[in-house]
C-alpha atoms as a PDB file:
ATOM      1  CA  MET A   1       0.000   0.000   0.000  1.00  0.00           C
ATOM      2  CA  LEU A   2       1.341   3.426  -0.919  1.00  0.00           C
ATOM      3  CA  ALA A   3       1.683   6.294   1.478  1.00  0.00           C
ATOM      4  CA  ALA A   4      -1.250   8.701   1.335  1.00  0.00           C
ATOM      5  CA  GLY A   5      -0.566  11.634  -0.939  1.00  0.00           C
ATOM      6  CA  ALA A   6       2.280   9.752  -2.576  1.00  0.00           C
ATOM      7  CA  VAL A   7       3.042   7.901  -5.749  1.00  0.00           C
ATOM      8  CA  VAL A   8       5.700   5.321  -6.292  1.00  0.00           C
ATOM      9  CA  ALA A   9       8.300   5.945  -8.964  1.00  0.00           C
ATOM     10  CA  SER A  10      10.664   3.360 -10.373  1.00  0.00           C
ATOM     11  CA  ALA A  11      14.204   4.582  -9.720  1.00  0.00           C
ATOM     12  CA  SER A  12      16.247   1.873 -11.402  1.00  0.00           C
ATOM     13  CA  ALA A  13      16.153  -1.553 -12.934  1.00  0.00           C
ATOM     14  CA  ALA A  14      17.624  -2.820  -9.663  1.00  0.00           C
ATOM     15  CA  GLY A  15      14.280  -2.238  -8.004  1.00  0.00           C
ATOM     16  CA  ALA A  16      14.847   1.024  -6.112  1.00  0.00           C
ATOM     17  CA  TRP A  17      11.917   3.335  -5.523  1.00  0.00           C
ATOM     18  CA  ALA A  18      11.279   6.806  -4.213  1.00  0.00           C
ATOM     19  CA  TYR A  19       8.112   8.378  -2.839  1.00  0.00           C
ATOM     20  CA  GLN A  20       7.159  11.830  -4.059  1.00  0.00           C
ATOM     21  CA  SER A  21       4.256  14.222  -3.557  1.00  0.00           C
ATOM     22  CA  GLY A  22       1.381  13.349  -5.849  1.00  0.00           C
ATOM     23  CA  GLN A  23      -1.936  11.564  -5.926  1.00  0.00           C
ATOM     24  CA  ALA A  24      -3.747  10.551  -2.771  1.00  0.00           C
ATOM     25  CA  ALA A  25      -3.908   6.947  -1.602  1.00  0.00           C
ATOM     26  CA  VAL A  26      -5.486   5.193   1.348  1.00  0.00           C
ATOM     27  CA  MET A  27      -3.299   4.886   4.459  1.00  0.00           C
ATOM     28  CA  PRO A  28      -3.627   2.600   7.492  1.00  0.00           C
ATOM     29  CA  LEU A  29      -5.765   3.951  10.314  1.00  0.00           C
ATOM     30  CA  GLY A  30      -3.869   6.249  12.662  1.00  0.00           C
ATOM     31  CA  VAL A  31      -1.189   7.390  10.216  1.00  0.00           C
ATOM     32  CA  PRO A  32      -0.826  11.196  10.315  1.00  0.00           C
ATOM     33  CA  SER A  33      -2.340  13.007   7.334  1.00  0.00           C
ATOM     34  CA  VAL A  34       0.812  14.969   6.589  1.00  0.00           C
ATOM     35  CA  PRO A  35       3.093  14.616   3.576  1.00  0.00           C
ATOM     36  CA  PRO A  36       6.188  12.454   3.970  1.00  0.00           C
ATOM     37  CA  GLY A  37       9.555  13.876   3.052  1.00  0.00           C
ATOM     38  CA  PRO A  38      11.854  11.987   0.692  1.00  0.00           C
ATOM     39  CA  GLU A  39      11.645   8.218   1.187  1.00  0.00           C
ATOM     40  CA  ARG A  40      13.963   5.880  -0.696  1.00  0.00           C
ATOM     41  CA  CYS A  41      14.380   2.127  -0.801  1.00  0.00           C
ATOM     42  CA  GLU A  42      17.132   0.654  -2.905  1.00  0.00           C
ATOM     43  CA  LEU A  43      19.108  -2.551  -3.155  1.00  0.00           C
ATOM     44  CA  ARG A  44      22.547  -2.751  -1.534  1.00  0.00           C
ATOM     45  CA  TYR A  45      24.929  -5.667  -1.260  1.00  0.00           C
ATOM     46  CA  SER A  46      25.736  -6.486   2.366  1.00  0.00           C
ATOM     47  CA  LYS A  47      29.058  -8.249   2.906  1.00  0.00           C
ATOM     48  CA  ALA A  48      27.995  -9.031   6.472  1.00  0.00           C
ATOM     49  CA  ARG A  49      24.900 -10.856   5.246  1.00  0.00           C
ATOM     50  CA  GLY A  50      26.381 -12.196   2.039  1.00  0.00           C
ATOM     51  CA  SER A  51      23.322 -11.068   0.119  1.00  0.00           C
ATOM     52  CA  THR A  52      21.521  -8.110  -1.394  1.00  0.00           C
ATOM     53  CA  VAL A  53      19.231  -6.238   1.002  1.00  0.00           C
ATOM     54  CA  ASP A  54      16.742  -3.379   0.867  1.00  0.00           C
ATOM     55  CA  PHE A  55      18.144  -0.108   2.225  1.00  0.00           C
ATOM     56  CA  TYR A  56      15.431   2.358   3.306  1.00  0.00           C
ATOM     57  CA  THR A  57      15.784   5.989   4.329  1.00  0.00           C
ATOM     58  CA  ALA A  58      13.259   8.672   5.213  1.00  0.00           C
ATOM     59  CA  VAL A  59      13.839  12.393   5.736  1.00  0.00           C
ATOM     60  CA  PRO A  60      11.218  14.647   7.335  1.00  0.00           C
ATOM     61  CA  ALA A  61       9.456  16.979   4.917  1.00  0.00           C
ATOM     62  CA  GLY A  62      11.087  20.375   4.671  1.00  0.00           C
ATOM     63  CA  HIS A  63      14.603  19.165   5.437  1.00  0.00           C
ATOM     64  CA  GLY A  64      15.933  18.632   1.944  1.00  0.00           C
ATOM     65  CA  ASP A  65      17.976  15.483   1.509  1.00  0.00           C
ATOM     66  CA  GLY A  66      18.631  15.183   5.247  1.00  0.00           C
ATOM     67  CA  ALA A  67      22.291  16.180   5.089  1.00  0.00           C
ATOM     68  CA  GLY A  68      23.669  16.743   8.591  1.00  0.00           C
ATOM     69  CA  LEU A  69      20.723  15.126  10.379  1.00  0.00           C
ATOM     70  CA  PRO A  70      21.247  12.352  12.957  1.00  0.00           C
ATOM     71  CA  VAL A  71      19.968   8.842  12.306  1.00  0.00           C
ATOM     72  CA  CYS A  72      17.520   6.469  13.935  1.00  0.00           C
ATOM     73  CA  LEU A  73      18.290   2.937  12.779  1.00  0.00           C
ATOM     74  CA  VAL A  74      15.122   0.893  12.170  1.00  0.00           C
ATOM     75  CA  LEU A  75      15.150  -2.833  12.978  1.00  0.00           C
ATOM     76  CA  HIS A  76      11.995  -4.475  11.660  1.00  0.00           C
ATOM     77  CA  GLY A  77       9.978  -7.292  13.158  1.00  0.00           C
ATOM     78  CA  GLY A  78       9.444 -10.710  11.643  1.00  0.00           C
ATOM     79  CA  SER A  79       6.587  -9.853   9.279  1.00  0.00           C
ATOM     80  CA  LYS A  80       7.759  -6.575   7.741  1.00  0.00           C
ATOM     81  CA  ARG A  81      10.658  -5.472   5.557  1.00  0.00           C
ATOM     82  CA  PRO A  82      12.025  -2.055   4.532  1.00  0.00           C
ATOM     83  CA  ALA A  83       9.917  -2.155   1.379  1.00  0.00           C
ATOM     84  CA  ASP A  84       6.870  -2.072   3.698  1.00  0.00           C
ATOM     85  CA  PHE A  85       7.975   0.971   5.711  1.00  0.00           C
ATOM     86  CA  ALA A  86       6.430   3.648   3.508  1.00  0.00           C
ATOM     87  CA  GLY A  87       3.149   1.745   3.473  1.00  0.00           C
ATOM     88  CA  LEU A  88       3.190   1.750   7.277  1.00  0.00           C
ATOM     89  CA  GLY A  89       3.438   5.523   7.145  1.00  0.00           C
ATOM     90  CA  LEU A  90       6.846   5.801   8.792  1.00  0.00           C
ATOM     91  CA  GLY A  91       7.808   8.830   6.715  1.00  0.00           C
ATOM     92  CA  ARG A  92       4.561  10.538   7.681  1.00  0.00           C
ATOM     93  CA  PHE A  93       5.053   9.807  11.365  1.00  0.00           C
ATOM     94  CA  LEU A  94       8.529  11.317  11.031  1.00  0.00           C
ATOM     95  CA  THR A  95       7.267  14.526   9.413  1.00  0.00           C
ATOM     96  CA  ASP A  96       4.477  14.745  11.990  1.00  0.00           C
ATOM     97  CA  ALA A  97       6.958  14.440  14.871  1.00  0.00           C
ATOM     98  CA  VAL A  98       9.034  17.311  13.498  1.00  0.00           C
ATOM     99  CA  ASN A  99       5.909  19.391  12.840  1.00  0.00           C
ATOM    100  CA  ARG A 100       5.019  18.922  16.510  1.00  0.00           C
ATOM    101  CA  GLY A 101       8.389  20.333  17.594  1.00  0.00           C
ATOM    102  CA  ALA A 102      10.742  17.334  17.642  1.00  0.00           C
ATOM    103  CA  ALA A 103      14.283  17.984  16.479  1.00  0.00           C
ATOM    104  CA  PRO A 104      14.650  16.547  12.961  1.00  0.00           C
ATOM    105  CA  PHE A 105      16.321  13.204  12.311  1.00  0.00           C
ATOM    106  CA  VAL A 106      16.236  10.577   9.589  1.00  0.00           C
ATOM    107  CA  LEU A 107      15.174   6.941   9.590  1.00  0.00           C
ATOM    108  CA  ALA A 108      17.366   4.250   8.040  1.00  0.00           C
ATOM    109  CA  GLY A 109      16.901   0.498   7.932  1.00  0.00           C
ATOM    110  CA  ALA A 110      17.887  -2.592   5.997  1.00  0.00           C
ATOM    111  CA  THR A 111      16.592  -6.138   5.634  1.00  0.00           C
ATOM    112  CA  GLY A 112      17.401  -8.444   8.533  1.00  0.00           C
ATOM    113  CA  ASP A 113      15.062 -11.312   7.598  1.00  0.00           C
ATOM    114  CA  ARG A 114      14.058 -13.598  10.499  1.00  0.00           C
ATOM    115  CA  LEU A 115      17.389 -14.104  12.249  1.00  0.00           C
ATOM    116  CA  ALA A 116      16.378 -11.954  15.258  1.00  0.00           C
ATOM    117  CA  TRP A 117      19.230  -9.619  14.268  1.00  0.00           C
ATOM    118  CA  GLN A 118      21.811 -12.191  15.330  1.00  0.00           C
ATOM    119  CA  PRO A 119      24.432 -14.128  13.356  1.00  0.00           C
ATOM    120  CA  GLY A 120      23.191 -17.220  11.558  1.00  0.00           C
ATOM    121  CA  GLY A 121      26.225 -18.999  10.186  1.00  0.00           C
ATOM    122  CA  ARG A 122      27.883 -16.577   7.766  1.00  0.00           C
ATOM    123  CA  ASP A 123      24.812 -14.332   7.721  1.00  0.00           C
ATOM    124  CA  ASP A 124      25.217 -11.546  10.300  1.00  0.00           C
ATOM    125  CA  PRO A 125      22.501  -8.846  10.208  1.00  0.00           C
ATOM    126  CA  GLN A 126      23.762  -7.317  13.449  1.00  0.00           C
ATOM    127  CA  ARG A 127      27.170  -6.694  11.884  1.00  0.00           C
ATOM    128  CA  MET A 128      25.400  -5.182   8.886  1.00  0.00           C
ATOM    129  CA  VAL A 129      23.676  -2.671  11.155  1.00  0.00           C
ATOM    130  CA  HIS A 130      26.843  -1.903  13.107  1.00  0.00           C
ATOM    131  CA  GLU A 131      29.349  -1.716  10.245  1.00  0.00           C
ATOM    132  CA  GLU A 132      27.517  -1.141   6.979  1.00  0.00           C
ATOM    133  CA  LEU A 133      24.381   0.878   7.683  1.00  0.00           C
ATOM    134  CA  PRO A 134      26.372   3.816   9.108  1.00  0.00           C
ATOM    135  CA  VAL A 135      28.600   3.826   6.010  1.00  0.00           C
ATOM    136  CA  TRP A 136      25.595   3.833   3.694  1.00  0.00           C
ATOM    137  CA  CYS A 137      24.019   6.629   5.752  1.00  0.00           C
ATOM    138  CA  ALA A 138      27.208   8.699   5.802  1.00  0.00           C
ATOM    139  CA  ALA A 139      27.315   8.469   1.999  1.00  0.00           C
ATOM    140  CA  ARG A 140      23.910  10.209   2.008  1.00  0.00           C
ATOM    141  CA  GLY A 141      25.376  13.014   4.152  1.00  0.00           C
ATOM    142  CA  PHE A 142      23.637  12.000   7.382  1.00  0.00           C
ATOM    143  CA  ASP A 143      25.348  12.565  10.746  1.00  0.00           C
ATOM    144  CA  THR A 144      26.334   9.075  11.875  1.00  0.00           C
ATOM    145  CA  SER A 145      28.048  10.369  15.011  1.00  0.00           C
ATOM    146  CA  ARG A 146      24.544  10.585  16.506  1.00  0.00           C
ATOM    147  CA  LEU A 147      22.662   7.296  16.289  1.00  0.00           C
ATOM    148  CA  ALA A 148      19.629   5.754  17.954  1.00  0.00           C
ATOM    149  CA  ALA A 149      17.875   2.433  17.316  1.00  0.00           C
ATOM    150  CA  TRP A 150      14.183   1.672  17.109  1.00  0.00           C
ATOM    151  CA  GLY A 151      12.553  -1.697  16.571  1.00  0.00           C
ATOM    152  CA  TRP A 152       9.387  -3.655  17.189  1.00  0.00           C
ATOM    153  CA  SER A 153       8.948  -7.301  18.243  1.00  0.00           C
ATOM    154  CA  MET A 154      11.982  -9.160  16.861  1.00  0.00           C
ATOM    155  CA  GLY A 155      13.447  -5.762  15.972  1.00  0.00           C
ATOM    156  CA  GLY A 156      12.942  -4.494  19.511  1.00  0.00           C
ATOM    157  CA  TYR A 157      14.935  -7.468  20.725  1.00  0.00           C
ATOM    158  CA  GLY A 158      17.561  -6.806  18.067  1.00  0.00           C
ATOM    159  CA  SER A 159      17.841  -3.123  19.005  1.00  0.00           C
ATOM    160  CA  LEU A 160      18.506  -3.959  22.632  1.00  0.00           C
ATOM    161  CA  LEU A 161      20.976  -6.677  21.646  1.00  0.00           C
ATOM    162  CA  LEU A 162      22.786  -4.216  19.380  1.00  0.00           C
ATOM    163  CA  ALA A 163      23.145  -1.705  22.192  1.00  0.00           C
ATOM    164  CA  GLU A 164      24.496  -4.417  24.495  1.00  0.00           C
ATOM    165  CA  ALA A 165      26.946  -5.818  21.955  1.00  0.00           C
ATOM    166  CA  PHE A 166      28.343  -2.358  21.141  1.00  0.00           C
ATOM    167  CA  PRO A 167      27.938  -0.106  24.190  1.00  0.00           C
ATOM    168  CA  ARG A 168      27.539   3.594  23.314  1.00  0.00           C
ATOM    169  CA  PHE A 169      27.170   2.789  19.604  1.00  0.00           C
ATOM    170  CA  VAL A 170      23.660   4.199  19.878  1.00  0.00           C
ATOM    171  CA  ARG A 171      22.579   6.889  22.296  1.00  0.00           C
ATOM    172  CA  ALA A 172      19.113   5.470  22.769  1.00  0.00           C
ATOM    173  CA  VAL A 173      16.915   2.467  22.055  1.00  0.00           C
ATOM    174  CA  ALA A 174      13.160   2.671  21.533  1.00  0.00           C
ATOM    175  CA  ALA A 175      11.830  -0.881  21.836  1.00  0.00           C
ATOM    176  CA  PHE A 176       8.231  -1.795  21.028  1.00  0.00           C
ATOM    177  CA  SER A 177       7.070  -5.135  22.462  1.00  0.00           C
ATOM    178  CA  PRO A 178      10.585  -6.615  22.249  1.00  0.00           C
ATOM    179  CA  ALA A 179      10.529 -10.390  21.799  1.00  0.00           C
ATOM    180  CA  VAL A 180      12.551 -11.077  24.933  1.00  0.00           C
ATOM    181  CA  VAL A 181      12.425 -14.072  27.275  1.00  0.00           C
ATOM    182  CA  PRO A 182      13.819 -13.977  30.833  1.00  0.00           C
ATOM    183  CA  GLY A 183      17.235 -15.611  30.774  1.00  0.00           C
ATOM    184  CA  ASP A 184      17.915 -14.879  27.105  1.00  0.00           C
ATOM    185  CA  GLU A 185      20.908 -12.923  25.822  1.00  0.00           C
ATOM    186  CA  VAL A 186      19.274  -9.537  26.356  1.00  0.00           C
ATOM    187  CA  PHE A 187      18.678 -10.360  30.015  1.00  0.00           C
ATOM    188  CA  ARG A 188      22.119 -11.880  30.509  1.00  0.00           C
ATOM    189  CA  ASP A 189      23.911  -8.786  29.205  1.00  0.00           C
ATOM    190  CA  VAL A 190      21.445  -6.172  30.443  1.00  0.00           C
ATOM    191  CA  GLU A 191      24.118  -4.311  32.439  1.00  0.00           C
ATOM    192  CA  GLN A 192      25.706  -3.413  29.111  1.00  0.00           C
ATOM    193  CA  LEU A 193      22.798  -1.003  28.631  1.00  0.00           C
ATOM    194  CA  THR A 194      24.163   1.235  31.389  1.00  0.00           C
ATOM    195  CA  GLY A 195      24.461   4.712  29.928  1.00  0.00           C
ATOM    196  CA  THR A 196      22.096   4.036  27.024  1.00  0.00           C
ATOM    197  CA  SER A 197      18.738   5.778  27.210  1.00  0.00           C
ATOM    198  CA  ILE A 198      15.913   3.242  26.910  1.00  0.00           C
ATOM    199  CA  GLY A 199      12.291   3.678  25.886  1.00  0.00           C
ATOM    200  CA  LEU A 200      10.097   0.621  26.394  1.00  0.00           C
ATOM    201  CA  TRP A 201       6.543   0.222  25.146  1.00  0.00           C
ATOM    202  CA  CYS A 202       4.223  -2.800  25.181  1.00  0.00           C
ATOM    203  CA  GLY A 203       0.489  -3.398  24.975  1.00  0.00           C
ATOM    204  CA  ARG A 204      -1.133  -4.909  28.031  1.00  0.00           C
ATOM    205  CA  ALA A 205      -2.922  -7.486  25.835  1.00  0.00           C
ATOM    206  CA  ASP A 206       0.366  -8.510  24.186  1.00  0.00           C
ATOM    207  CA  PRO A 207       1.418 -12.111  24.967  1.00  0.00           C
ATOM    208  CA  LEU A 208       4.901 -10.728  25.687  1.00  0.00           C
ATOM    209  CA  ILE A 209       3.788  -8.259  28.359  1.00  0.00           C
ATOM    210  CA  SER A 210       5.037 -10.280  31.330  1.00  0.00           C
ATOM    211  CA  ASN A 211       8.439 -10.742  29.698  1.00  0.00           C
ATOM    212  CA  VAL A 212       8.690  -7.039  28.866  1.00  0.00           C
ATOM    213  CA  ARG A 213       7.711  -6.110  32.419  1.00  0.00           C
ATOM    214  CA  ALA A 214      10.465  -8.424  33.656  1.00  0.00           C
ATOM    215  CA  LEU A 215      12.918  -6.679  31.363  1.00  0.00           C
ATOM    216  CA  ARG A 216      11.872  -3.310  32.698  1.00  0.00           C
ATOM    217  CA  ARG A 217      12.664  -4.506  36.212  1.00  0.00           C
ATOM    218  CA  ALA A 218      16.012  -5.938  35.079  1.00  0.00           C
ATOM    219  CA  LEU A 219      17.276  -2.780  33.368  1.00  0.00           C
ATOM    220  CA  PRO A 220      20.200  -1.081  35.126  1.00  0.00           C
ATOM    221  CA  ALA A 221      18.116   2.104  35.322  1.00  0.00           C
ATOM    222  CA  ALA A 222      14.431   2.866  34.872  1.00  0.00           C
ATOM    223  CA  PRO A 223      13.452   3.591  31.255  1.00  0.00           C
ATOM    224  CA  ASP A 224      13.486   7.230  30.259  1.00  0.00           C
ATOM    225  CA  ALA A 225      10.313   6.782  28.220  1.00  0.00           C
ATOM    226  CA  GLY A 226       7.612   4.243  27.469  1.00  0.00           C
ATOM    227  CA  THR A 227       4.239   2.983  28.593  1.00  0.00           C
ATOM    228  CA  PHE A 228       2.324  -0.262  28.992  1.00  0.00           C
ATOM    229  CA  GLY A 229      -1.012   0.806  27.559  1.00  0.00           C
ATOM    230  CA  PRO A 230      -4.014  -0.916  25.997  1.00  0.00           C
ATOM    231  CA  GLY A 231      -3.039  -2.826  22.888  1.00  0.00           C
ATOM    232  CA  LYS A 232      -1.921  -6.064  21.285  1.00  0.00           C
ATOM    233  CA  HIS A 233       1.166  -7.270  19.397  1.00  0.00           C
ATOM    234  CA  ASN A 234       0.447  -5.429  16.154  1.00  0.00           C
ATOM    235  CA  PHE A 235       0.767  -2.125  14.327  1.00  0.00           C
ATOM    236  CA  ALA A 236      -2.694  -1.100  15.407  1.00  0.00           C
ATOM    237  CA  TYR A 237      -1.083  -0.637  18.828  1.00  0.00           C
ATOM    238  CA  TRP A 238       2.461   0.285  17.773  1.00  0.00           C
ATOM    239  CA  SER A 239       1.213   3.127  15.556  1.00  0.00           C
ATOM    240  CA  THR A 240      -0.351   4.745  18.632  1.00  0.00           C
ATOM    241  CA  VAL A 241       3.022   4.959  20.400  1.00  0.00           C
ATOM    242  CA  ILE A 242       5.244   5.932  17.454  1.00  0.00           C
ATOM    243  CA  PRO A 243       4.699   9.656  18.193  1.00  0.00           C
ATOM    244  CA  ALA A 244       5.971   9.277  21.761  1.00  0.00           C
ATOM    245  CA  ALA A 245       8.890   7.128  20.616  1.00  0.00           C
ATOM    246  CA  PHE A 246       9.915   9.581  17.907  1.00  0.00           C
ATOM    247  CA  ALA A 247       9.781  12.473  20.384  1.00  0.00           C
ATOM    248  CA  PHE A 248      12.007  10.443  22.734  1.00  0.00           C
ATOM    249  CA  VAL A 249      14.476   9.571  19.961  1.00  0.00           C
ATOM    250  CA  ALA A 250      14.600  13.172  18.749  1.00  0.00           C
ATOM    251  CA  ALA A 251      15.381  14.446  22.227  1.00  0.00           C
ATOM    252  CA  GLN A 252      18.244  11.995  22.646  1.00  0.00           C
ATOM    253  CA  LEU A 253      19.712  12.717  19.210  1.00  0.00           C
ATOM    254  CA  SER A 254      19.479  16.495  19.536  1.00  0.00           C
ATOM    255  CA  VAL A 255      21.959  16.726  22.406  1.00  0.00           C
ATOM    256  CA  GLY A 256      25.536  17.621  21.432  1.00  0.00           C
END
């Protein structure tokens, strides 16, 4: 599904696309009715994964090509890929956050498949995020000295794991319903999150709620943002908390 007020344009034979202002289209319920800025999704070869992946970026409307803006790395869940991000309205949520007063930043993500953002043999999506995504972003002119990570479900788990594996690589993690289990790697290395600002959101009707509550208790410091509100393990809930998460990410990325 295309973003509302957007058309899709073929950018190359390799399958890249870009969203531009144009005809209206139907958007999922809850997506802000504001125009997205430039959104791009193109194919890149990842040495860390040993395969070609989608590389998605979004810049808030009114901020040109995003040069000089900090980056929020997006780690998707099990059922979505970067090619789906525009259809979820991520670019519109980003513009809306900035319109509401958040400091501008860009979104950037790549395909991690279903490996929970961990190595699987020679396929290492976590290394892709740590080593390659910043290089690809820097080539676009983004400020990769200021990074945050945001993910939902499997991607929430992966965002926390990333911050533990590489302390201070990201300033903040916004995790939606992270697919954690007490005793797993995130719990075992939770002290590595010391000094990283954490936002933690989960719906009270989510099957993972007890695990996420346990994670909240295990964190080395109370989360700086997040709620456990009404909702399930789906985008109907996650879309309601994106505005709060983007405000949190913007605040963390705007310092220094």
